[in-house]
Amino acid sequence: MSVKGPRSAFSGGSEPLEPLGSKDIKQAVKSGQFGAQLENLEAAANAQQSGETTAAQSQTLDGLRSIASANDLSTPTQALAAVRQSAKFMIKSRVGDKYQDNRTVSDLVEDLSSYIAADPFLQRKLLKILQRLKEK
């Protein structure tokens, strides 16, 4: 299974993602595809004002917006907790229904969330998205 990127290098949109299995998720994060999805999500956050987002993007943005509004992003500990919670939310939203209750997948989601929160690039990107969503 592959993650579908933008149709064009100059396009801000992307096609909706299919639910991923645990191996696909781990590979997506390790290969940098999670960062690319953050780029797409950031573009979707900008496009949401004009109503140009897909249903999947809107659902993800709504979830991230609720996480942003529930945390004080100006304090480092709450900002880090919000980034980790957001990463977990995004990963779990891509896990197929048949894997949701699997203990191994749950452990993998926790590990990947920690990995994303510890990566300086991904952490900054996700925090920037959360701050932008909190402003709106």
Protein backbone atom coordinates (compact mmCIF):
# COMPACT_ATOMS: atom_id res chain seq x y z
CA MET A 1 0.00 0.00 0.00
CA SER A 2 1.31 3.45 -0.79
CA VAL A 3 0.65 6.93 0.45
CA LYS A 4 -0.66 9.08 -2.36
CA GLY A 5 1.04 12.45 -2.68
CA PRO A 6 0.07 15.55 -4.59
CA ARG A 7 -0.71 15.14 -8.27
CA SER A 8 1.81 17.86 -9.08
CA ALA A 9 4.86 19.26 -7.33
CA PHE A 10 3.18 22.66 -7.48
CA SER A 11 -0.17 21.47 -6.13
CA GLY A 12 -1.03 21.86 -2.46
CA GLY A 13 -3.65 19.11 -2.33
CA SER A 14 -3.35 15.38 -2.02
CA GLU A 15 -5.60 12.43 -2.52
CA PRO A 16 -7.22 10.90 0.59
CA LEU A 17 -5.13 8.24 2.27
CA GLU A 18 -6.21 4.66 2.67
CA PRO A 19 -5.92 3.12 6.16
CA LEU A 20 -2.45 1.69 6.71
CA GLY A 21 -1.28 -1.47 8.41
CA SER A 22 1.37 -1.37 11.17
CA LYS A 23 4.32 -2.10 8.83
CA ASP A 24 3.13 0.56 6.38
CA ILE A 25 2.86 3.15 9.16
CA LYS A 26 6.34 2.44 10.48
CA GLN A 27 7.79 2.64 6.97
CA ALA A 28 5.91 5.89 6.23
CA VAL A 29 7.29 7.62 9.32
CA LYS A 30 10.84 6.33 8.91
CA SER A 31 11.02 7.19 5.19
CA GLY A 32 9.97 10.81 5.67
CA GLN A 33 6.47 10.44 4.27
CA PHE A 34 5.02 11.65 7.57
CA GLY A 35 6.81 14.96 7.04
CA ALA A 36 5.33 15.17 3.56
CA GLN A 37 1.88 14.55 4.99
CA LEU A 38 2.48 17.36 7.48
CA GLU A 39 3.27 19.63 4.53
CA ASN A 40 -0.02 18.60 2.89
CA LEU A 41 -1.87 19.13 6.16
CA GLU A 42 -0.34 22.58 6.55
CA ALA A 43 -1.49 23.47 3.03
CA ALA A 44 -4.94 22.09 3.89
CA ALA A 45 -5.07 24.26 7.02
CA ASN A 46 -4.44 27.28 4.81
CA ALA A 47 -6.97 26.12 2.21
CA GLN A 48 -9.67 25.35 4.78
CA GLN A 49 -10.61 29.01 4.99
CA SER A 50 -11.65 28.93 1.34
CA GLY A 51 -13.44 25.57 1.67
CA GLU A 52 -10.98 23.66 -0.54
CA THR A 53 -10.25 20.75 1.82
CA THR A 54 -11.38 17.16 1.49
CA ALA A 55 -13.54 15.47 4.13
CA ALA A 56 -10.54 13.48 5.43
CA GLN A 57 -8.41 16.62 5.73
CA SER A 58 -11.23 18.48 7.49
CA GLN A 59 -11.66 15.64 9.97
CA THR A 60 -7.93 15.60 10.72
CA LEU A 61 -7.81 19.38 11.06
CA ASP A 62 -10.82 19.33 13.40
CA GLY A 63 -9.10 16.77 15.62
CA LEU A 64 -5.87 18.75 15.67
CA ARG A 65 -7.78 21.97 16.36
CA SER A 66 -9.40 20.40 19.44
CA ILE A 67 -5.98 19.23 20.67
CA ALA A 68 -4.54 22.73 20.09
CA SER A 69 -7.37 24.45 21.93
CA ALA A 70 -7.08 22.07 24.89
CA ASN A 71 -3.37 22.84 25.43
CA ASP A 72 -1.32 25.94 26.22
CA LEU A 73 1.12 25.86 23.32
CA SER A 74 3.25 28.63 24.82
CA THR A 75 4.60 26.36 27.55
CA PRO A 76 7.21 23.81 26.43
CA THR A 77 5.78 20.86 28.35
CA GLN A 78 2.22 21.35 27.10
CA ALA A 79 3.43 22.08 23.57
CA LEU A 80 5.41 18.82 23.54
CA ALA A 81 2.42 16.94 24.96
CA ALA A 82 0.18 18.46 22.26
CA VAL A 83 2.64 17.47 19.52
CA ARG A 84 2.81 13.90 20.83
CA GLN A 85 -0.98 13.70 21.18
CA SER A 86 -1.40 15.09 17.65
CA ALA A 87 1.05 12.58 16.20
CA LYS A 88 -0.78 9.78 17.97
CA PHE A 89 -4.12 11.06 16.67
CA MET A 90 -2.83 11.26 13.09
CA ILE A 91 -1.27 7.80 13.17
CA LYS A 92 -4.33 6.17 14.75
CA SER A 93 -6.58 7.80 12.17
CA ARG A 94 -4.64 5.96 9.44
CA VAL A 95 -4.71 2.55 11.12
CA GLY A 96 -7.28 0.21 9.63
CA ASP A 97 -10.28 -0.77 11.75
CA LYS A 98 -9.12 -4.36 12.10
CA TYR A 99 -5.88 -3.15 13.76
CA GLN A 100 -7.38 -0.60 16.18
CA ASP A 101 -7.60 -3.02 19.13
CA ASN A 102 -4.35 -4.88 18.42
CA ARG A 103 -1.86 -4.55 21.30
CA THR A 104 1.17 -4.64 19.01
CA VAL A 105 -0.24 -1.84 16.88
CA SER A 106 -1.04 0.20 20.00
CA ASP A 107 2.56 -0.18 21.15
CA LEU A 108 3.76 0.80 17.69
CA VAL A 109 1.54 3.89 17.68
CA GLU A 110 2.98 4.92 21.06
CA ASP A 111 6.56 4.37 19.86
CA LEU A 112 6.01 6.28 16.63
CA SER A 113 4.30 9.14 18.48
CA SER A 114 7.33 9.42 20.74
CA TYR A 115 9.65 9.25 17.73
CA ILE A 116 7.77 12.05 15.96
CA ALA A 117 7.66 14.21 19.09
CA ALA A 118 11.43 13.75 19.52
CA ASP A 119 12.31 14.58 15.89
CA PRO A 120 13.10 18.33 15.77
CA PHE A 121 11.85 18.84 12.20
CA LEU A 122 8.56 16.97 12.65
CA GLN A 123 8.04 18.53 16.07
CA ARG A 124 8.43 22.08 14.69
CA LYS A 125 6.14 21.38 11.72
CA LEU A 126 3.40 19.86 13.85
CA LEU A 127 3.66 22.60 16.48
CA LYS A 128 3.44 25.25 13.75
CA ILE A 129 0.26 23.62 12.42
CA LEU A 130 -1.23 23.45 15.93
CA GLN A 131 -0.42 27.10 16.58
CA ARG A 132 -1.99 28.15 13.29
CA LEU A 133 -5.13 26.12 14.03
CA LYS A 134 -5.38 27.57 17.52
CA GLU A 135 -5.28 31.13 16.12
CA LYS A 136 -8.30 30.48 13.89
